Protein backbone atom coordinates (compact mmCIF):
# COMPACT_ATOMS: atom_id res chain seq x y z
CA MET A 1 17.37 12.64 5.65
CA SER A 2 19.78 14.95 3.85
CA PHE A 3 19.23 12.96 0.67
CA ILE A 4 15.45 13.38 1.00
CA LYS A 5 15.81 17.13 1.47
CA SER A 6 18.17 17.30 -1.50
CA GLU A 7 15.67 15.65 -3.84
CA LYS A 8 12.83 17.85 -2.56
CA ASN A 9 14.96 20.95 -3.10
CA LYS A 10 15.75 19.87 -6.66
CA LEU A 11 12.08 19.54 -7.52
CA ALA A 12 11.17 22.78 -5.75
CA GLU A 13 13.84 24.56 -7.76
CA VAL A 14 12.42 23.23 -11.02
CA ILE A 15 8.83 24.13 -10.05
CA ASN A 16 9.67 27.65 -8.87
CA ASN A 17 12.13 28.43 -11.63
CA SER A 18 10.33 30.04 -14.52
CA ALA A 19 13.27 29.57 -16.86
CA ASP A 20 13.49 26.56 -19.16
CA VAL A 21 15.14 23.48 -17.68
CA SER A 22 17.65 21.62 -19.80
CA ARG A 23 16.72 18.16 -21.06
CA LEU A 24 19.67 16.62 -19.23
CA LYS A 25 18.57 18.13 -15.91
CA LYS A 26 15.03 16.88 -16.49
CA LEU A 27 16.37 13.39 -17.19
CA LYS A 28 18.49 13.41 -14.04
CA LEU A 29 15.53 14.58 -11.96
CA VAL A 30 13.24 11.91 -13.41
CA ILE A 31 15.80 9.20 -12.63
CA ALA A 32 16.38 10.49 -9.10
CA LEU A 33 12.66 10.58 -8.38
CA SER A 34 11.90 7.25 -10.08
CA ILE A 35 14.37 4.99 -8.30
CA PRO A 36 12.67 5.14 -4.86
CA ALA A 37 9.28 4.41 -6.47
CA ILE A 38 10.74 1.42 -8.32
CA VAL A 39 12.32 0.09 -5.13
CA ALA A 40 9.01 0.45 -3.29
CA GLN A 41 7.15 -1.42 -6.02
CA VAL A 42 9.72 -4.22 -6.08
CA SER A 43 9.49 -4.55 -2.30
CA ALA A 44 5.67 -4.77 -2.57
CA ILE A 45 5.97 -7.61 -5.09
CA ILE A 46 8.52 -9.39 -2.89
CA MET A 47 6.13 -8.99 0.04
CA GLN A 48 3.38 -10.75 -1.93
CA TYR A 49 5.70 -13.66 -2.66
CA ILE A 50 6.66 -13.85 1.02
CA ASP A 51 3.00 -13.82 2.07
CA ALA A 52 2.15 -16.55 -0.40
CA SER A 53 5.04 -18.78 0.68
CA MET A 54 4.45 -18.34 4.42
CA VAL A 55 0.70 -18.93 4.15
CA GLY A 56 1.30 -21.84 1.76
CA SER A 57 3.45 -23.51 4.37
CA LEU A 58 0.34 -23.79 6.56
CA GLY A 59 -1.30 -26.08 4.03
CA ALA A 60 -3.43 -26.09 0.90
CA ASN A 61 -6.67 -24.91 2.48
CA PRO A 62 -5.36 -21.66 4.01
CA ALA A 63 -3.63 -20.77 0.74
CA ALA A 64 -6.77 -21.59 -1.23
CA SER A 65 -8.90 -19.47 1.13
CA ILE A 66 -6.81 -16.39 0.41
CA GLY A 67 -6.53 -17.14 -3.29
CA LEU A 68 -10.30 -17.49 -3.62
CA VAL A 69 -11.01 -13.89 -2.59
CA SER A 70 -7.75 -12.31 -3.77
CA THR A 71 -9.27 -10.89 -6.96
CA SER A 72 -12.09 -9.33 -4.94
CA THR A 73 -9.63 -7.66 -2.57
CA TRP A 74 -7.70 -6.34 -5.58
CA ILE A 75 -10.88 -4.70 -6.86
CA PHE A 76 -11.43 -2.90 -3.55
CA PHE A 77 -7.77 -1.90 -3.29
CA GLY A 78 -7.92 -0.65 -6.88
CA LEU A 79 -10.90 1.56 -6.07
CA CYS A 80 -9.04 3.04 -3.09
CA SER A 81 -5.96 3.63 -5.22
CA ALA A 82 -8.04 5.30 -7.94
CA ALA A 83 -9.62 7.66 -5.41
CA SER A 84 -6.23 8.73 -4.05
CA VAL A 85 -4.74 9.13 -7.53
CA GLY A 86 -7.60 11.42 -8.57
CA PHE A 87 -6.81 13.86 -5.78
CA SER A 88 -3.04 13.46 -6.19
CA VAL A 89 -3.24 14.58 -9.82
CA GLN A 90 -5.10 17.73 -8.80
CA VAL A 91 -2.54 18.53 -6.11
CA ALA A 92 0.35 17.88 -8.53
CA HIS A 93 -1.15 20.33 -11.03
CA LEU A 94 -1.63 22.98 -8.35
CA ILE A 95 1.91 22.54 -7.03
CA GLY A 96 3.24 22.79 -10.57
CA ALA A 97 1.25 25.99 -11.04
CA SER A 98 2.81 27.42 -7.85
CA LYS A 99 -0.50 27.44 -5.96
CA PRO A 100 0.45 25.83 -2.63
CA ASP A 101 -2.58 27.15 -0.74
CA SER A 102 -4.98 25.63 -3.26
CA ALA A 103 -3.01 22.38 -3.13
CA ARG A 104 -3.40 22.28 0.66
CA ASN A 105 -7.15 22.89 0.35
CA VAL A 106 -7.52 20.00 -2.09
CA PHE A 107 -5.49 17.79 0.24
CA ARG A 108 -7.77 18.62 3.17
CA GLN A 109 -10.83 17.83 1.06
CA SER A 110 -9.26 14.58 -0.10
CA LEU A 111 -8.77 13.41 3.50
CA VAL A 112 -12.48 13.71 4.22
CA ALA A 113 -13.71 12.45 0.84
CA THR A 114 -11.47 9.39 0.63
CA LEU A 115 -12.07 8.47 4.27
CA ILE A 116 -15.84 8.49 3.72
CA PHE A 117 -15.36 6.55 0.46
CA SER A 118 -13.21 3.91 2.14
CA ILE A 119 -15.69 3.47 5.00
CA ILE A 120 -18.46 2.86 2.45
CA LEU A 121 -16.24 0.32 0.66
CA ALA A 122 -15.47 -1.38 3.98
CA ALA A 123 -19.15 -1.60 4.83
CA ILE A 124 -19.95 -3.13 1.44
CA GLY A 125 -17.08 -5.59 1.77
CA VAL A 126 -18.10 -6.71 5.24
CA ALA A 127 -21.71 -7.06 4.10
CA ILE A 128 -20.80 -9.40 1.23
CA SER A 129 -17.98 -11.24 3.00
CA GLY A 130 -20.31 -14.10 4.01
CA PRO A 131 -21.81 -15.04 0.65
CA LEU A 132 -18.80 -13.97 -1.46
CA PRO A 133 -16.85 -17.27 -1.21
CA HIS A 134 -20.00 -19.14 -2.26
CA TRP A 135 -20.50 -16.76 -5.20
CA LEU A 136 -16.94 -17.51 -6.29
CA GLY A 137 -17.51 -21.26 -6.16
CA GLY A 138 -15.60 -21.99 -2.96
CA GLU A 139 -16.01 -25.36 -1.29
CA GLU A 140 -16.92 -25.85 2.36
CA PRO A 141 -13.39 -26.55 3.74
CA ILE A 142 -12.18 -23.06 2.69
CA VAL A 143 -15.33 -20.94 2.80
CA ASP A 144 -15.12 -19.94 6.48
CA ASN A 145 -11.44 -18.95 6.33
CA ALA A 146 -12.01 -17.02 3.09
CA THR A 147 -14.86 -15.11 4.72
CA ILE A 148 -12.79 -14.19 7.78
CA TYR A 149 -9.78 -13.16 5.72
CA PHE A 150 -11.85 -10.96 3.38
CA ARG A 151 -13.78 -9.41 6.27
CA VAL A 152 -10.68 -8.51 8.27
CA THR A 153 -8.97 -7.09 5.18
CA LEU A 154 -11.97 -4.92 4.31
CA LEU A 155 -12.28 -3.64 7.89
CA ALA A 156 -8.78 -2.19 7.44
CA MET A 157 -9.75 -0.45 4.18
CA PRO A 158 -9.80 3.10 5.68
CA VAL A 159 -6.21 2.56 6.84
CA PHE A 160 -5.17 1.38 3.37
CA GLN A 161 -6.96 4.35 1.83
CA LEU A 162 -5.15 6.89 3.99
CA SER A 163 -1.86 5.12 3.32
CA TYR A 164 -2.39 5.34 -0.46
CA LEU A 165 -3.43 8.98 -0.19
CA ALA A 166 -0.50 10.02 2.01
CA ALA A 167 2.04 8.27 -0.23
CA GLY A 168 0.47 9.79 -3.35
CA MET A 169 0.52 13.30 -1.91
CA LEU A 170 4.16 12.97 -0.90
CA ARG A 171 5.10 11.73 -4.37
CA CYS A 172 3.23 14.45 -6.24
CA SER A 173 4.94 17.06 -4.06
CA GLY A 174 8.32 15.63 -5.08
CA ASN A 175 9.17 13.47 -2.07
CA MET A 176 9.64 10.05 -3.67
CA VAL A 177 12.19 8.83 -1.13
CA PHE A 178 10.10 8.65 2.05
CA PRO A 179 7.20 6.62 0.53
CA GLY A 180 9.80 4.26 -0.95
CA MET A 181 11.50 3.82 2.41
CA ALA A 182 8.12 3.26 4.04
CA GLY A 183 7.32 0.56 1.46
CA VAL A 184 10.55 -1.30 2.18
CA LEU A 185 9.98 -0.98 5.94
CA MET A 186 6.46 -2.35 5.49
CA CYS A 187 7.92 -5.40 3.76
CA VAL A 188 10.22 -6.02 6.73
CA HIS A 189 7.35 -5.62 9.20
CA ASP A 190 5.24 -7.97 7.09
CA VAL A 191 7.79 -10.77 7.50
CA VAL A 192 8.12 -10.16 11.25
CA PHE A 193 4.37 -10.04 11.94
CA ASN A 194 3.70 -13.03 9.68
CA PHE A 195 6.24 -15.00 11.69
CA PHE A 196 4.32 -14.38 14.92
CA LEU A 197 0.70 -14.06 13.77
CA ILE A 198 0.01 -16.69 11.10
CA PHE A 199 1.80 -19.65 12.65
CA PRO A 200 0.61 -21.52 15.77
CA THR A 201 2.64 -21.57 18.97
CA ARG A 202 5.70 -23.74 18.32
CA GLU A 203 9.16 -24.61 19.52
CA ILE A 204 12.27 -23.68 17.57
CA HIS A 205 15.47 -25.61 18.21
CA ILE A 206 18.72 -23.67 17.83
CA PHE A 207 21.54 -26.07 18.68
CA SER A 208 20.80 -27.04 22.31
CA LEU A 209 18.54 -24.05 22.89
CA VAL A 210 14.75 -24.50 22.67
CA ILE A 211 12.72 -21.32 22.11
CA THR A 212 8.91 -21.23 22.33
CA VAL A 213 7.50 -18.82 19.72
CA PRO A 214 3.95 -17.67 20.52
């Protein structure tokens, strides 16, 4: 936590200091703020590989069901990300201009606006979840699973939206460390929950010990 406070203090000093900042100090600050974001992005990519491998172990049809609608989910996620970035840029400008009250007002507005936007996206996604696999040329063995996967994912869209917005607001205020830590922790949770939720009940043999995993 001391490291997080240190990085936030560095950025606050730069923002509030009207004097010119040396190029070397700018470079050091950019590196310090970039590393957590890079780690978070790498962990997100690793998480996608883990998801693909764990679902793939269930068989070809489950993997194909997710792959069929993956591009559609990326479109919806991209729209959520774009909405959060739009507000984050405004807040970053206001923080840089030393207008914290205005930045807070924009943040409050962004909570309402993006939540409404994500609910609309979720409603659209759920509405098209039935015919979407057919539109994409899916065959009968994978259509039902693709529909369920897409529908459940889109129902969680407001949660994803708020997650993107919160992480973006923390980053634009200079706190790059906490969103990065949260991204790594999400990767760990992803592995744990996948282990219990995507596999059927089974027995694991560890030497002479037999453990039933629900």
